[in-house]
C-alpha atoms as a PDB file:
ATOM      1  CA  UNK A   1       0.000   0.000   0.000  1.00  0.00           C
ATOM      2  CA  UNK A   2       1.259   3.469  -0.741  1.00  0.00           C
ATOM      3  CA  UNK A   3       1.814   6.152   1.845  1.00  0.00           C
ATOM      4  CA  UNK A   4       0.195   9.513   1.088  1.00  0.00           C
ATOM      5  CA  UNK A   5       1.821  12.704   2.343  1.00  0.00           C
ATOM      6  CA  UNK A   6       0.715  16.336   2.263  1.00  0.00           C
ATOM      7  CA  UNK A   7       2.610  19.275   3.701  1.00  0.00           C
ATOM      8  CA  UNK A   8       1.085  18.660   7.150  1.00  0.00           C
ATOM      9  CA  UNK A   9      -0.782  15.311   7.014  1.00  0.00           C
ATOM     10  CA  UNK A  10      -0.244  11.653   6.271  1.00  0.00           C
ATOM     11  CA  UNK A  11      -3.046   9.616   4.724  1.00  0.00           C
ATOM     12  CA  UNK A  12      -4.075   6.033   4.209  1.00  0.00           C
ATOM     13  CA  UNK A  13      -4.779   4.097   1.033  1.00  0.00           C
ATOM     14  CA  UNK A  14      -7.114   1.179   0.316  1.00  0.00           C
ATOM     15  CA  UNK A  15      -6.783  -1.389  -2.459  1.00  0.00           C
ATOM     16  CA  UNK A  16      -9.736  -1.321  -4.863  1.00  0.00           C
ATOM     17  CA  UNK A  17      -8.488  -3.667  -7.559  1.00  0.00           C
ATOM     18  CA  UNK A  18      -5.536  -5.890  -8.249  1.00  0.00           C
ATOM     19  CA  UNK A  19      -4.448  -6.731 -11.807  1.00  0.00           C
ATOM     20  CA  UNK A  20      -7.109  -4.414 -13.300  1.00  0.00           C
ATOM     21  CA  UNK A  21      -5.662  -0.951 -12.913  1.00  0.00           C
ATOM     22  CA  UNK A  22      -7.136   0.325 -16.203  1.00  0.00           C
ATOM     23  CA  UNK A  23     -10.711  -0.669 -15.333  1.00  0.00           C
ATOM     24  CA  UNK A  24     -13.326   2.034 -14.853  1.00  0.00           C
ATOM     25  CA  UNK A  25     -14.409   2.574 -11.271  1.00  0.00           C
ATOM     26  CA  UNK A  26     -17.938   3.183 -10.055  1.00  0.00           C
ATOM     27  CA  UNK A  27     -19.140   5.721  -7.509  1.00  0.00           C
ATOM     28  CA  UNK A  28     -20.259   2.809  -5.311  1.00  0.00           C
ATOM     29  CA  UNK A  29     -16.793   1.181  -5.318  1.00  0.00           C
ATOM     30  CA  UNK A  30     -15.055   4.426  -4.434  1.00  0.00           C
ATOM     31  CA  UNK A  31     -17.653   5.368  -1.792  1.00  0.00           C
ATOM     32  CA  UNK A  32     -17.369   1.987  -0.060  1.00  0.00           C
ATOM     33  CA  UNK A  33     -13.577   2.137   0.094  1.00  0.00           C
ATOM     34  CA  UNK A  34     -13.476   5.769   1.184  1.00  0.00           C
ATOM     35  CA  UNK A  35     -15.610   4.881   4.225  1.00  0.00           C
ATOM     36  CA  UNK A  36     -12.941   2.374   5.334  1.00  0.00           C
ATOM     37  CA  UNK A  37     -10.070   4.840   5.545  1.00  0.00           C
ATOM     38  CA  UNK A  38      -9.391   8.168   7.215  1.00  0.00           C
ATOM     39  CA  UNK A  39      -9.543  10.957   4.603  1.00  0.00           C
ATOM     40  CA  UNK A  40      -6.718  13.417   4.112  1.00  0.00           C
ATOM     41  CA  UNK A  41      -7.576  17.094   4.356  1.00  0.00           C
ATOM     42  CA  UNK A  42      -6.095  19.122   1.507  1.00  0.00           C
ATOM     43  CA  UNK A  43      -5.363  22.839   1.644  1.00  0.00           C
ATOM     44  CA  UNK A  44      -5.516  25.076  -1.462  1.00  0.00           C
ATOM     45  CA  UNK A  45      -2.518  24.669  -3.777  1.00  0.00           C
ATOM     46  CA  UNK A  46      -1.151  21.804  -1.697  1.00  0.00           C
ATOM     47  CA  UNK A  47       0.960  19.015  -3.173  1.00  0.00           C
ATOM     48  CA  UNK A  48       0.283  15.404  -2.297  1.00  0.00           C
ATOM     49  CA  UNK A  49       3.127  12.907  -2.592  1.00  0.00           C
ATOM     50  CA  UNK A  50       2.533   9.173  -2.967  1.00  0.00           C
ATOM     51  CA  UNK A  51       5.281   6.792  -1.884  1.00  0.00           C
ATOM     52  CA  UNK A  52       5.477   3.011  -2.335  1.00  0.00           C
ATOM     53  CA  UNK A  53       7.996   0.839  -0.480  1.00  0.00           C
ATOM     54  CA  UNK A  54       8.610  -0.927  -3.818  1.00  0.00           C
ATOM     55  CA  UNK A  55       8.660   1.720  -6.560  1.00  0.00           C
ATOM     56  CA  UNK A  56       6.288   0.883  -9.418  1.00  0.00           C
ATOM     57  CA  UNK A  57       7.353   0.950 -13.068  1.00  0.00           C
ATOM     58  CA  UNK A  58       4.577   3.495 -13.698  1.00  0.00           C
ATOM     59  CA  UNK A  59       2.089   5.466 -11.625  1.00  0.00           C
ATOM     60  CA  UNK A  60      -0.864   7.747 -12.328  1.00  0.00           C
ATOM     61  CA  UNK A  61      -2.921   9.809  -9.889  1.00  0.00           C
ATOM     62  CA  UNK A  62      -6.315  11.426 -10.350  1.00  0.00           C
ATOM     63  CA  UNK A  63      -8.993  12.909  -8.103  1.00  0.00           C
ATOM     64  CA  UNK A  64     -12.417  11.253  -7.802  1.00  0.00           C
ATOM     65  CA  UNK A  65     -15.334  13.565  -8.596  1.00  0.00           C
ATOM     66  CA  UNK A  66     -18.339  12.207  -6.664  1.00  0.00           C
ATOM     67  CA  UNK A  67     -20.777  14.612  -8.382  1.00  0.00           C
ATOM     68  CA  UNK A  68     -19.938  13.281 -11.845  1.00  0.00           C
ATOM     69  CA  UNK A  69     -18.992   9.721 -10.756  1.00  0.00           C
ATOM     70  CA  UNK A  70     -15.727   9.964 -12.637  1.00  0.00           C
ATOM     71  CA  UNK A  71     -12.018  10.516 -12.315  1.00  0.00           C
ATOM     72  CA  UNK A  72     -10.419  13.819 -13.211  1.00  0.00           C
ATOM     73  CA  UNK A  73      -7.581  13.838 -15.731  1.00  0.00           C
ATOM     74  CA  UNK A  74      -4.688  11.846 -14.347  1.00  0.00           C
ATOM     75  CA  UNK A  75      -1.043  12.760 -14.062  1.00  0.00           C
ATOM     76  CA  UNK A  76       1.764  10.260 -14.564  1.00  0.00           C
ATOM     77  CA  UNK A  77       3.946  10.986 -11.562  1.00  0.00           C
ATOM     78  CA  UNK A  78       3.890  10.510  -7.792  1.00  0.00           C
ATOM     79  CA  UNK A  79       3.118  14.162  -6.914  1.00  0.00           C
ATOM     80  CA  UNK A  80      -0.393  15.594  -7.397  1.00  0.00           C
ATOM     81  CA  UNK A  81      -1.031  19.355  -7.166  1.00  0.00           C
ATOM     82  CA  UNK A  82      -4.406  20.471  -5.819  1.00  0.00           C
ATOM     83  CA  UNK A  83      -5.454  23.944  -6.910  1.00  0.00           C
ATOM     84  CA  UNK A  84      -9.159  23.711  -6.133  1.00  0.00           C
ATOM     85  CA  UNK A  85     -11.013  24.418  -2.932  1.00  0.00           C
ATOM     86  CA  UNK A  86      -9.707  22.906   0.289  1.00  0.00           C
ATOM     87  CA  UNK A  87     -11.364  19.876   1.822  1.00  0.00           C
ATOM     88  CA  UNK A  88     -11.221  16.117   2.075  1.00  0.00           C
ATOM     89  CA  UNK A  89     -10.199  14.587  -1.240  1.00  0.00           C
ATOM     90  CA  UNK A  90     -10.396  11.099  -2.716  1.00  0.00           C
ATOM     91  CA  UNK A  91      -7.495  10.232  -4.982  1.00  0.00           C
ATOM     92  CA  UNK A  92      -7.290   7.293  -7.363  1.00  0.00           C
ATOM     93  CA  UNK A  93      -3.759   5.914  -7.561  1.00  0.00           C
ATOM     94  CA  UNK A  94      -2.990   3.438 -10.328  1.00  0.00           C
ATOM     95  CA  UNK A  95       0.375   1.707 -10.258  1.00  0.00           C
ATOM     96  CA  UNK A  96       2.033  -0.940 -12.405  1.00  0.00           C
ATOM     97  CA  UNK A  97       4.941  -3.143 -11.492  1.00  0.00           C
ATOM     98  CA  UNK A  98       6.770  -5.597 -13.701  1.00  0.00           C
ATOM     99  CA  UNK A  99       4.880  -8.401 -11.916  1.00  0.00           C
ATOM    100  CA  UNK A 100       1.372  -6.872 -11.872  1.00  0.00           C
ATOM    101  CA  UNK A 101      -0.876  -3.853 -11.335  1.00  0.00           C
ATOM    102  CA  UNK A 102      -3.034  -2.356  -8.598  1.00  0.00           C
ATOM    103  CA  UNK A 103      -5.563   0.433  -8.187  1.00  0.00           C
ATOM    104  CA  UNK A 104      -6.493   2.144  -4.933  1.00  0.00           C
END
């Protein structure tokens, strides 16, 4: 599981899928998982860093938009910049290793 760091907080991650990191997620899947973990509060213009103990070959991060039941455009790096309003955010982290993939 990745560790999630902001300037002042540390967050938790939950595994949604294994070996299907390109699959579309549903609002229900994301809602169920987000109830199982403590959310991270994000301040305006804050950067969130994602760290894995075993670095993946590739990583992408997006924000989940509950109103539209969809992911925002993803970025292909381990740092995600938030420029929107502050609050509790749900991020979708997709990672691929040489031996498999995961989405959380």
